[in-house]
Amino acid sequence: MTLRILATGGTFDKHYNELEGKLAFADSHLPDVLQRARLTVPVALEVCMLMDSLEMNDSHRQTILQACQNATEKAIVIIHGTDTMRETAEVLGAAKLDKTIVFTGAMIPYEIANSDAFFNLGFACGVAQLLPAGVHVAMNGKIFAWDNVQKNRAAGVFDTK
């Protein structure tokens, strides 16, 4: 089994720009993250876009859907911003693809101390190989159905609706 990982940006892939004191996008962290993770399952990495999910629109979501439709792999992990992960998952859920699609992301960027990015990616890669076809969200050790999840901003976690 080969696992496809789609990068779309989000906090997971943000870099800290010390000159401006801001988080921004440069290159994806995922090649380094995957090397560090030492996954033994073959991985096909595709960078669809690197953007904050609050800036995503229907066109961006269609690009992600098309990448999933074009993927030959049956298991797909999508790294996505947490603010609109649910909205993109809804587009893919409505498409009813015969694939296991798992969304994940991070509340703290990968390169920042105490980030949840590394764990969330490993967790998502594991469950993507085990879950049935459908669209799921895997965050902080929990798995959610795409249509029964929400970001709890006050607690900084995901939970059911």
C-alpha atoms as a PDB file:
ATOM      1  CA  MET A   1       0.000   0.000   0.000  1.00  0.00           C
ATOM      2  CA  THR A   2       1.234   3.462  -0.909  1.00  0.00           C
ATOM      3  CA  LEU A   3       0.007   6.427   1.090  1.00  0.00           C
ATOM      4  CA  ARG A   4      -0.573   9.778  -0.614  1.00  0.00           C
ATOM      5  CA  ILE A   5      -0.026  12.897   1.479  1.00  0.00           C
ATOM      6  CA  LEU A   6      -1.441  16.171   0.188  1.00  0.00           C
ATOM      7  CA  ALA A   7      -0.037  19.392   1.626  1.00  0.00           C
ATOM      8  CA  THR A   8      -2.314  22.421   1.536  1.00  0.00           C
ATOM      9  CA  GLY A   9      -0.625  24.614   4.135  1.00  0.00           C
ATOM     10  CA  GLY A  10      -2.193  25.609   7.401  1.00  0.00           C
ATOM     11  CA  THR A  11      -0.400  26.194  10.672  1.00  0.00           C
ATOM     12  CA  PHE A  12       1.392  22.844  10.272  1.00  0.00           C
ATOM     13  CA  ASP A  13       3.567  24.211   7.454  1.00  0.00           C
ATOM     14  CA  LYS A  14       4.092  27.781   8.629  1.00  0.00           C
ATOM     15  CA  HIS A  15       7.605  29.099   9.252  1.00  0.00           C
ATOM     16  CA  TYR A  16       8.538  31.764  11.743  1.00  0.00           C
ATOM     17  CA  ASN A  17      10.019  34.819  10.038  1.00  0.00           C
ATOM     18  CA  GLU A  18      12.273  36.259  12.724  1.00  0.00           C
ATOM     19  CA  LEU A  19      12.837  39.510  10.798  1.00  0.00           C
ATOM     20  CA  GLU A  20       9.131  40.319  10.654  1.00  0.00           C
ATOM     21  CA  GLY A  21       8.090  38.419  13.767  1.00  0.00           C
ATOM     22  CA  LYS A  22       5.327  36.671  11.810  1.00  0.00           C
ATOM     23  CA  LEU A  23       4.351  33.213  10.709  1.00  0.00           C
ATOM     24  CA  ALA A  24       4.376  32.767   6.930  1.00  0.00           C
ATOM     25  CA  PHE A  25       4.856  30.126   4.255  1.00  0.00           C
ATOM     26  CA  ALA A  26       8.096  29.161   2.552  1.00  0.00           C
ATOM     27  CA  ASP A  27       8.784  25.566   1.541  1.00  0.00           C
ATOM     28  CA  SER A  28       6.800  22.706   3.034  1.00  0.00           C
ATOM     29  CA  HIS A  29       8.235  21.041   6.129  1.00  0.00           C
ATOM     30  CA  LEU A  30       6.848  17.704   4.978  1.00  0.00           C
ATOM     31  CA  PRO A  31       9.915  16.284   3.187  1.00  0.00           C
ATOM     32  CA  ASP A  32      11.928  16.749   6.410  1.00  0.00           C
ATOM     33  CA  VAL A  33       9.051  15.572   8.597  1.00  0.00           C
ATOM     34  CA  LEU A  34       8.629  12.390   6.561  1.00  0.00           C
ATOM     35  CA  GLN A  35      12.346  11.662   6.689  1.00  0.00           C
ATOM     36  CA  ARG A  36      12.362  12.177  10.455  1.00  0.00           C
ATOM     37  CA  ALA A  37       9.277   9.959  10.871  1.00  0.00           C
ATOM     38  CA  ARG A  38      11.051   7.042   9.177  1.00  0.00           C
ATOM     39  CA  LEU A  39       7.809   5.687   7.735  1.00  0.00           C
ATOM     40  CA  THR A  40       8.234   2.288   6.157  1.00  0.00           C
ATOM     41  CA  VAL A  41       5.062   2.555   4.092  1.00  0.00           C
ATOM     42  CA  PRO A  42       5.751   4.118   0.673  1.00  0.00           C
ATOM     43  CA  VAL A  43       4.601   7.743   0.544  1.00  0.00           C
ATOM     44  CA  ALA A  44       3.753   9.945  -2.423  1.00  0.00           C
ATOM     45  CA  LEU A  45       3.911  13.595  -1.329  1.00  0.00           C
ATOM     46  CA  GLU A  46       2.023  16.221  -3.325  1.00  0.00           C
ATOM     47  CA  VAL A  47       2.044  19.909  -2.460  1.00  0.00           C
ATOM     48  CA  CYS A  48      -1.269  21.277  -3.710  1.00  0.00           C
ATOM     49  CA  MET A  49      -0.810  24.720  -2.188  1.00  0.00           C
ATOM     50  CA  LEU A  50       0.665  26.374   0.868  1.00  0.00           C
ATOM     51  CA  MET A  51      -1.858  28.777   2.322  1.00  0.00           C
ATOM     52  CA  ASP A  52      -3.784  29.669   5.420  1.00  0.00           C
ATOM     53  CA  SER A  53      -7.106  27.848   5.329  1.00  0.00           C
ATOM     54  CA  LEU A  54      -8.943  31.080   6.169  1.00  0.00           C
ATOM     55  CA  GLU A  55      -7.898  32.294   2.705  1.00  0.00           C
ATOM     56  CA  MET A  56      -9.218  29.188   0.916  1.00  0.00           C
ATOM     57  CA  ASN A  57     -12.184  29.448  -1.393  1.00  0.00           C
ATOM     58  CA  ASP A  58     -14.253  27.010  -3.459  1.00  0.00           C
ATOM     59  CA  SER A  59     -11.609  26.951  -6.191  1.00  0.00           C
ATOM     60  CA  HIS A  60      -8.946  25.786  -3.736  1.00  0.00           C
ATOM     61  CA  ARG A  61     -11.273  23.115  -2.378  1.00  0.00           C
ATOM     62  CA  GLN A  62     -11.935  21.894  -5.919  1.00  0.00           C
ATOM     63  CA  THR A  63      -8.169  21.632  -6.474  1.00  0.00           C
ATOM     64  CA  ILE A  64      -7.912  19.416  -3.371  1.00  0.00           C
ATOM     65  CA  LEU A  65     -10.875  17.326  -4.534  1.00  0.00           C
ATOM     66  CA  GLN A  66      -9.311  16.894  -7.962  1.00  0.00           C
ATOM     67  CA  ALA A  67      -6.003  15.816  -6.395  1.00  0.00           C
ATOM     68  CA  CYS A  68      -7.901  13.155  -4.429  1.00  0.00           C
ATOM     69  CA  GLN A  69      -9.806  12.022  -7.521  1.00  0.00           C
ATOM     70  CA  ASN A  70      -6.573  11.785  -9.534  1.00  0.00           C
ATOM     71  CA  ALA A  71      -4.683   9.889  -6.826  1.00  0.00           C
ATOM     72  CA  THR A  72      -4.153   6.212  -7.572  1.00  0.00           C
ATOM     73  CA  GLU A  73      -3.689   5.534  -3.863  1.00  0.00           C
ATOM     74  CA  LYS A  74      -6.673   4.387  -1.791  1.00  0.00           C
ATOM     75  CA  ALA A  75      -5.371   6.036   1.405  1.00  0.00           C
ATOM     76  CA  ILE A  76      -4.841   9.805   1.464  1.00  0.00           C
ATOM     77  CA  VAL A  77      -3.745  12.108   4.293  1.00  0.00           C
ATOM     78  CA  ILE A  78      -4.429  15.814   3.820  1.00  0.00           C
ATOM     79  CA  ILE A  79      -2.460  18.366   5.839  1.00  0.00           C
ATOM     80  CA  HIS A  80      -4.864  21.274   6.181  1.00  0.00           C
ATOM     81  CA  GLY A  81      -5.377  24.400   8.234  1.00  0.00           C
ATOM     82  CA  THR A  82      -7.606  23.779  11.225  1.00  0.00           C
ATOM     83  CA  ASP A  83      -9.861  26.823  10.796  1.00  0.00           C
ATOM     84  CA  THR A  84     -11.648  25.547   7.675  1.00  0.00           C
ATOM     85  CA  MET A  85     -10.726  21.856   7.700  1.00  0.00           C
ATOM     86  CA  ARG A  86     -14.387  20.976   8.224  1.00  0.00           C
ATOM     87  CA  GLU A  87     -15.479  22.937   5.128  1.00  0.00           C
ATOM     88  CA  THR A  88     -12.967  21.193   2.858  1.00  0.00           C
ATOM     89  CA  ALA A  89     -13.825  17.815   4.383  1.00  0.00           C
ATOM     90  CA  GLU A  90     -17.473  18.500   3.538  1.00  0.00           C
ATOM     91  CA  VAL A  91     -16.609  18.978  -0.154  1.00  0.00           C
ATOM     92  CA  LEU A  92     -14.724  15.683  -0.221  1.00  0.00           C
ATOM     93  CA  GLY A  93     -17.368  13.892   1.831  1.00  0.00           C
ATOM     94  CA  ALA A  94     -20.076  14.943  -0.629  1.00  0.00           C
ATOM     95  CA  ALA A  95     -17.985  13.545  -3.508  1.00  0.00           C
ATOM     96  CA  LYS A  96     -18.232  10.022  -1.999  1.00  0.00           C
ATOM     97  CA  LEU A  97     -14.876   8.850  -3.313  1.00  0.00           C
ATOM     98  CA  ASP A  98     -14.020   5.188  -2.778  1.00  0.00           C
ATOM     99  CA  LYS A  99     -10.903   6.143  -0.805  1.00  0.00           C
ATOM    100  CA  THR A 100      -9.927   6.632   2.811  1.00  0.00           C
ATOM    101  CA  ILE A 101      -9.219  10.326   3.244  1.00  0.00           C
ATOM    102  CA  VAL A 102      -7.895  11.600   6.569  1.00  0.00           C
ATOM    103  CA  PHE A 103      -7.521  15.292   7.340  1.00  0.00           C
ATOM    104  CA  THR A 104      -5.055  16.463   9.946  1.00  0.00           C
ATOM    105  CA  GLY A 105      -3.217  19.635  10.849  1.00  0.00           C
ATOM    106  CA  ALA A 106      -1.658  21.404  13.799  1.00  0.00           C
ATOM    107  CA  MET A 107      -2.490  24.045  16.341  1.00  0.00           C
ATOM    108  CA  ILE A 108       1.227  24.918  16.657  1.00  0.00           C
ATOM    109  CA  PRO A 109       3.570  25.026  13.621  1.00  0.00           C
ATOM    110  CA  TYR A 110       5.867  22.032  13.148  1.00  0.00           C
ATOM    111  CA  GLU A 111       9.047  24.049  13.705  1.00  0.00           C
ATOM    112  CA  ILE A 112       7.853  25.566  16.999  1.00  0.00           C
ATOM    113  CA  ALA A 113       8.588  23.774  20.291  1.00  0.00           C
ATOM    114  CA  ASN A 114       5.764  21.603  21.652  1.00  0.00           C
ATOM    115  CA  SER A 115       4.022  21.419  18.269  1.00  0.00           C
ATOM    116  CA  ASP A 116       1.341  18.789  17.820  1.00  0.00           C
ATOM    117  CA  ALA A 117       2.157  18.540  14.083  1.00  0.00           C
ATOM    118  CA  PHE A 118       4.501  15.549  14.207  1.00  0.00           C
ATOM    119  CA  PHE A 119       2.175  13.440  16.342  1.00  0.00           C
ATOM    120  CA  ASN A 120      -0.895  14.382  14.305  1.00  0.00           C
ATOM    121  CA  LEU A 121       0.799  13.429  11.044  1.00  0.00           C
ATOM    122  CA  GLY A 122       1.957  10.064  12.395  1.00  0.00           C
ATOM    123  CA  PHE A 123      -1.468   9.360  13.844  1.00  0.00           C
ATOM    124  CA  ALA A 124      -3.199  10.290  10.576  1.00  0.00           C
ATOM    125  CA  CYS A 125      -0.821   8.122   8.522  1.00  0.00           C
ATOM    126  CA  GLY A 126      -1.541   5.162  10.780  1.00  0.00           C
ATOM    127  CA  VAL A 127      -5.317   5.447  10.810  1.00  0.00           C
ATOM    128  CA  ALA A 128      -5.478   6.143   7.054  1.00  0.00           C
ATOM    129  CA  GLN A 129      -4.270   2.588   6.559  1.00  0.00           C
ATOM    130  CA  LEU A 130      -6.953   1.142   8.854  1.00  0.00           C
ATOM    131  CA  LEU A 131     -10.125   3.208   8.467  1.00  0.00           C
ATOM    132  CA  PRO A 132     -12.808   2.323   5.918  1.00  0.00           C
ATOM    133  CA  ALA A 133     -13.354   4.420   2.803  1.00  0.00           C
ATOM    134  CA  GLY A 134     -14.764   7.824   3.648  1.00  0.00           C
ATOM    135  CA  VAL A 135     -13.614  11.198   4.919  1.00  0.00           C
ATOM    136  CA  HIS A 136     -12.269  11.489   8.445  1.00  0.00           C
ATOM    137  CA  VAL A 137     -10.525  14.043  10.652  1.00  0.00           C
ATOM    138  CA  ALA A 138      -7.671  12.843  12.896  1.00  0.00           C
ATOM    139  CA  MET A 139      -6.508  15.368  15.453  1.00  0.00           C
ATOM    140  CA  ASN A 140      -4.745  14.932  18.801  1.00  0.00           C
ATOM    141  CA  GLY A 141      -5.406  11.213  19.095  1.00  0.00           C
ATOM    142  CA  LYS A 142      -9.086  11.247  18.124  1.00  0.00           C
ATOM    143  CA  ILE A 143     -10.818  10.292  14.899  1.00  0.00           C
ATOM    144  CA  PHE A 144     -13.949  12.089  13.755  1.00  0.00           C
ATOM    145  CA  ALA A 145     -16.364  11.662  10.877  1.00  0.00           C
ATOM    146  CA  TRP A 146     -16.202  14.675   8.542  1.00  0.00           C
ATOM    147  CA  ASP A 147     -19.838  15.537   9.270  1.00  0.00           C
ATOM    148  CA  ASN A 148     -19.551  15.322  13.058  1.00  0.00           C
ATOM    149  CA  VAL A 149     -16.563  17.456  13.957  1.00  0.00           C
ATOM    150  CA  GLN A 150     -15.853  21.031  14.935  1.00  0.00           C
ATOM    151  CA  LYS A 151     -12.893  23.034  16.105  1.00  0.00           C
ATOM    152  CA  ASN A 152     -13.240  24.061  19.735  1.00  0.00           C
ATOM    153  CA  ARG A 153     -11.301  27.318  19.626  1.00  0.00           C
ATOM    154  CA  ALA A 154     -11.556  27.929  23.355  1.00  0.00           C
ATOM    155  CA  ALA A 155      -9.952  24.573  24.219  1.00  0.00           C
ATOM    156  CA  GLY A 156      -7.656  24.415  21.164  1.00  0.00           C
ATOM    157  CA  VAL A 157      -8.882  20.937  20.179  1.00  0.00           C
ATOM    158  CA  PHE A 158     -11.382  19.251  17.899  1.00  0.00           C
ATOM    159  CA  ASP A 159     -14.525  17.598  19.215  1.00  0.00           C
ATOM    160  CA  THR A 160     -17.874  16.335  17.990  1.00  0.00           C
ATOM    161  CA  LYS A 161     -20.620  18.759  17.066  1.00  0.00           C
END
